[in-house]
N, C-alpha and C. Protein backbone atom coordinates (compact mmCIF):
# COMPACT_ATOMS: atom_id res chain seq x y z
N MET A 1 22.22 -14.61 14.54
CA MET A 1 22.34 -13.18 14.94
C MET A 1 21.54 -13.11 16.50
N THR A 2 22.01 -12.35 17.33
CA THR A 2 21.36 -12.19 18.60
C THR A 2 20.36 -11.06 18.71
N ASN A 3 19.58 -11.17 19.50
CA ASN A 3 18.53 -9.90 19.62
C ASN A 3 19.02 -9.00 20.82
N THR A 4 18.59 -7.77 20.81
CA THR A 4 18.82 -6.74 21.57
C THR A 4 17.55 -6.75 22.63
N SER A 5 17.79 -6.76 24.10
CA SER A 5 16.84 -6.56 24.67
C SER A 5 16.50 -5.06 25.06
N VAL A 6 15.08 -4.51 24.66
CA VAL A 6 14.85 -3.12 24.94
C VAL A 6 13.30 -3.17 25.48
N VAL A 7 13.04 -1.88 25.74
CA VAL A 7 11.98 -1.63 26.21
C VAL A 7 11.27 -0.58 25.09
N VAL A 8 9.98 -1.06 24.80
CA VAL A 8 9.24 -0.13 23.82
C VAL A 8 8.12 0.48 24.48
N ARG A 9 7.97 1.80 24.53
CA ARG A 9 6.87 2.14 25.29
C ARG A 9 6.22 3.47 24.58
N MET A 10 5.05 3.55 24.78
CA MET A 10 4.36 4.86 24.31
C MET A 10 4.91 6.12 25.04
N ALA A 11 4.88 7.33 24.48
CA ALA A 11 5.31 8.46 25.28
C ALA A 11 4.26 8.73 26.22
N ASP A 12 2.97 8.32 26.29
CA ASP A 12 2.15 8.80 27.18
C ASP A 12 2.00 7.98 28.41
N GLY A 13 2.84 6.58 28.25
CA GLY A 13 2.75 5.74 29.42
C GLY A 13 1.71 4.61 29.29
N THR A 14 0.85 4.87 28.36
CA THR A 14 -0.28 3.62 28.16
C THR A 14 0.16 2.39 27.92
N ARG A 15 1.07 2.25 27.46
CA ARG A 15 1.62 0.94 26.75
C ARG A 15 2.85 0.89 27.04
N LYS A 16 3.52 -0.32 27.32
CA LYS A 16 5.10 -0.56 27.66
C LYS A 16 5.11 -2.30 27.20
N ALA A 17 6.38 -2.55 26.50
CA ALA A 17 6.76 -3.87 26.46
C ALA A 17 8.27 -4.13 26.74
N ALA A 18 8.63 -5.27 27.24
CA ALA A 18 10.13 -5.53 27.17
C ALA A 18 10.22 -6.51 26.02
N VAL A 19 11.12 -6.46 25.09
CA VAL A 19 11.10 -7.27 23.80
C VAL A 19 12.77 -7.55 23.42
N GLY A 20 12.78 -8.55 22.68
CA GLY A 20 14.22 -8.83 22.14
C GLY A 20 14.04 -8.62 20.72
N LEU A 21 14.94 -7.58 20.12
CA LEU A 21 14.76 -7.26 18.84
C LEU A 21 15.95 -7.34 18.13
N PRO A 22 15.87 -8.01 16.83
CA PRO A 22 17.11 -8.09 16.00
C PRO A 22 17.78 -6.73 15.47
N GLY A 23 19.09 -6.58 15.59
CA GLY A 23 19.65 -5.43 15.10
C GLY A 23 19.28 -4.90 13.80
N ASN A 24 19.07 -5.68 12.82
CA ASN A 24 18.83 -5.36 11.50
C ASN A 24 17.23 -5.01 11.42
N LEU A 25 16.60 -4.86 12.33
CA LEU A 25 15.18 -4.35 12.17
C LEU A 25 15.12 -2.79 11.83
N THR A 26 14.44 -2.34 11.23
CA THR A 26 14.38 -0.78 10.65
C THR A 26 13.51 -0.28 11.66
N ILE A 27 13.69 1.16 11.94
CA ILE A 27 12.71 1.84 12.83
C ILE A 27 11.41 1.71 12.23
N SER A 28 11.29 1.63 10.88
CA SER A 28 9.95 1.56 10.31
C SER A 28 9.18 0.49 10.33
N GLN A 29 9.91 -0.81 10.30
CA GLN A 29 9.36 -2.03 10.65
C GLN A 29 9.00 -2.22 12.38
N LEU A 30 9.77 -1.50 13.09
CA LEU A 30 9.39 -1.31 14.51
C LEU A 30 8.06 -0.83 14.73
N LEU A 31 7.98 0.34 14.07
CA LEU A 31 6.56 1.02 14.06
C LEU A 31 5.50 0.33 13.54
N GLN A 32 5.67 -0.44 12.48
CA GLN A 32 4.59 -0.94 11.77
C GLN A 32 4.05 -1.92 12.74
N ALA A 33 5.07 -2.89 13.35
CA ALA A 33 4.84 -3.97 14.42
C ALA A 33 3.94 -3.28 15.57
N THR A 34 4.61 -2.12 16.06
CA THR A 34 3.99 -1.70 17.34
C THR A 34 2.56 -1.15 16.94
N GLN A 35 2.24 -0.41 15.77
CA GLN A 35 0.96 0.01 15.40
C GLN A 35 -0.08 -1.35 15.40
N GLN A 36 0.51 -2.35 14.95
CA GLN A 36 -0.47 -3.70 14.88
C GLN A 36 -0.55 -4.40 16.14
N LYS A 37 0.28 -4.44 16.89
CA LYS A 37 0.30 -5.27 18.16
C LYS A 37 -0.47 -4.34 19.27
N TRP A 38 -0.52 -2.81 19.20
CA TRP A 38 -0.99 -2.26 20.17
C TRP A 38 -2.48 -1.48 19.60
N SER A 39 -2.65 -1.95 18.28
CA SER A 39 -3.91 -1.42 17.71
C SER A 39 -3.77 0.12 17.82
N LEU A 40 -2.87 0.75 17.28
CA LEU A 40 -2.62 1.97 17.23
C LEU A 40 -3.51 2.50 15.92
N PRO A 41 -4.29 3.85 15.95
CA PRO A 41 -4.67 4.23 14.75
C PRO A 41 -3.77 4.27 13.47
N ILE A 42 -4.21 3.59 12.49
CA ILE A 42 -3.25 3.72 11.12
C ILE A 42 -3.40 4.86 10.47
N ASN A 43 -4.16 5.67 10.86
CA ASN A 43 -4.23 7.16 9.91
C ASN A 43 -3.43 8.22 10.57
N ALA A 44 -2.62 7.71 11.68
CA ALA A 44 -1.57 8.80 12.29
C ALA A 44 -0.34 8.31 12.11
N ASN A 45 0.34 9.22 12.20
CA ASN A 45 2.08 9.04 11.85
C ASN A 45 2.80 8.91 13.28
N TYR A 46 3.82 8.02 13.32
CA TYR A 46 4.45 7.90 14.63
C TYR A 46 5.94 8.13 14.46
N ALA A 47 6.57 8.24 15.40
CA ALA A 47 8.08 8.48 15.52
C ALA A 47 8.66 7.86 16.69
N VAL A 48 9.82 7.52 16.49
CA VAL A 48 10.72 6.79 17.83
C VAL A 48 11.65 7.51 18.28
N ARG A 49 11.71 7.77 19.56
CA ARG A 49 12.90 8.40 20.06
C ARG A 49 13.80 7.44 21.10
N LEU A 50 15.03 7.60 20.90
CA LEU A 50 15.89 6.70 21.73
C LEU A 50 16.26 7.53 23.12
N GLU A 51 15.51 7.01 24.31
CA GLU A 51 15.54 7.71 25.45
C GLU A 51 16.86 8.32 25.85
N ARG A 52 17.74 7.13 25.72
CA ARG A 52 19.25 7.69 26.45
C ARG A 52 19.92 8.84 25.66
N THR A 53 19.44 9.08 24.54
CA THR A 53 20.20 9.96 23.66
C THR A 53 19.22 11.18 23.44
N GLY A 54 17.96 11.03 23.38
CA GLY A 54 16.93 11.97 22.95
C GLY A 54 16.81 12.31 21.64
N GLN A 55 17.55 11.41 20.92
CA GLN A 55 17.54 11.30 19.31
C GLN A 55 16.18 10.84 18.75
N GLN A 56 15.35 11.51 17.82
CA GLN A 56 14.43 10.90 17.06
C GLN A 56 14.95 10.06 16.14
N LEU A 57 14.66 8.88 15.82
CA LEU A 57 15.37 8.13 14.71
C LEU A 57 14.80 7.84 13.63
N ASP A 58 15.36 8.11 12.43
CA ASP A 58 15.19 8.11 11.03
C ASP A 58 14.45 6.49 10.82
N PRO A 59 13.10 6.60 10.18
CA PRO A 59 12.59 5.33 9.94
C PRO A 59 13.35 4.53 9.13
N SER A 60 14.17 4.88 8.35
CA SER A 60 14.95 4.09 7.60
C SER A 60 16.15 3.28 8.18
N THR A 61 16.60 3.89 9.11
CA THR A 61 17.68 3.22 9.82
C THR A 61 17.52 1.90 10.67
N THR A 62 18.52 1.27 10.86
CA THR A 62 18.37 -0.05 11.73
C THR A 62 18.52 0.20 13.15
N LEU A 63 18.41 -0.66 14.02
CA LEU A 63 18.70 -0.41 15.43
C LEU A 63 20.18 -0.49 15.59
N ASN A 64 20.85 -1.45 14.84
CA ASN A 64 22.36 -1.37 15.04
C ASN A 64 22.89 -0.13 14.63
N SER A 65 22.41 0.58 13.31
CA SER A 65 23.08 1.74 12.90
C SER A 65 22.99 2.90 13.53
N VAL A 66 22.07 3.06 14.69
CA VAL A 66 21.67 3.90 15.39
C VAL A 66 22.26 3.79 16.67
N GLY A 67 22.83 2.66 16.93
CA GLY A 67 23.50 2.40 18.25
C GLY A 67 22.84 2.00 19.34
N VAL A 68 21.52 1.19 19.11
CA VAL A 68 20.56 0.76 20.25
C VAL A 68 21.19 -0.13 21.04
N GLN A 69 21.44 -0.02 22.38
CA GLN A 69 22.02 -0.97 23.25
C GLN A 69 21.12 -1.88 24.12
N GLU A 70 21.73 -2.60 24.82
CA GLU A 70 21.00 -3.51 25.73
C GLU A 70 20.14 -2.64 26.66
N ASN A 71 18.77 -3.09 26.94
CA ASN A 71 18.29 -2.17 27.93
C ASN A 71 17.76 -0.89 27.65
N ASP A 72 18.07 -0.50 26.37
CA ASP A 72 17.60 1.03 25.93
C ASP A 72 16.09 1.18 25.99
N VAL A 73 15.54 2.31 26.07
CA VAL A 73 14.18 2.49 26.10
C VAL A 73 13.76 3.28 24.60
N LEU A 74 12.85 2.76 23.97
CA LEU A 74 12.52 3.12 22.70
C LEU A 74 10.98 3.66 22.82
N GLU A 75 10.91 5.02 22.68
CA GLU A 75 9.85 5.59 22.98
C GLU A 75 9.03 6.10 21.59
N VAL A 76 7.69 5.51 21.53
CA VAL A 76 7.05 5.60 20.43
C VAL A 76 6.01 6.85 20.71
N TYR A 77 5.84 7.81 19.51
CA TYR A 77 5.04 8.93 19.92
C TYR A 77 4.37 9.30 18.59
N PRO A 78 3.00 9.81 18.61
CA PRO A 78 2.38 10.51 17.36
C PRO A 78 3.08 11.74 17.06
N ILE A 79 3.05 11.79 15.76
CA ILE A 79 3.53 13.31 15.20
C ILE A 79 2.24 14.07 15.06
N LEU A 80 2.22 15.20 15.78
CA LEU A 80 1.20 16.00 15.50
C LEU A 80 1.03 16.96 14.55
N GLU A 81 0.14 17.10 13.80
CA GLU A 81 0.04 18.12 12.80
C GLU A 81 -0.53 19.18 13.28
N ALA A 82 -0.27 20.48 12.93
CA ALA A 82 -0.81 21.80 13.43
C ALA A 82 -2.38 21.67 12.71
N GLY A 83 -3.42 21.88 13.48
CA GLY A 83 -4.78 22.04 13.18
C GLY A 83 -5.32 20.65 13.34
N GLN A 84 -4.75 19.70 13.61
CA GLN A 84 -5.19 18.40 13.83
C GLN A 84 -5.99 18.36 15.19
N LYS A 85 -7.17 17.60 15.19
CA LYS A 85 -7.87 17.38 16.40
C LYS A 85 -8.02 16.02 16.75
């Protein structure tokens, strides 16, 4: 299985990485790896948006199933809850 080259970045622009990811990787697995590699707070929830389409990706789907293409940008952002500080 070949990897797809994508850019994963934080929505606020603080972190960015060009990586090759397998198509059978789930969005949830991507988020877990990103939280670990970038030492993101584990008590926060994150989501991933496919920049090309503006679509927020379901954590249970795979990169292949959502149509991630070569050189796509996957934007990671925190899910903010009302009343959080």
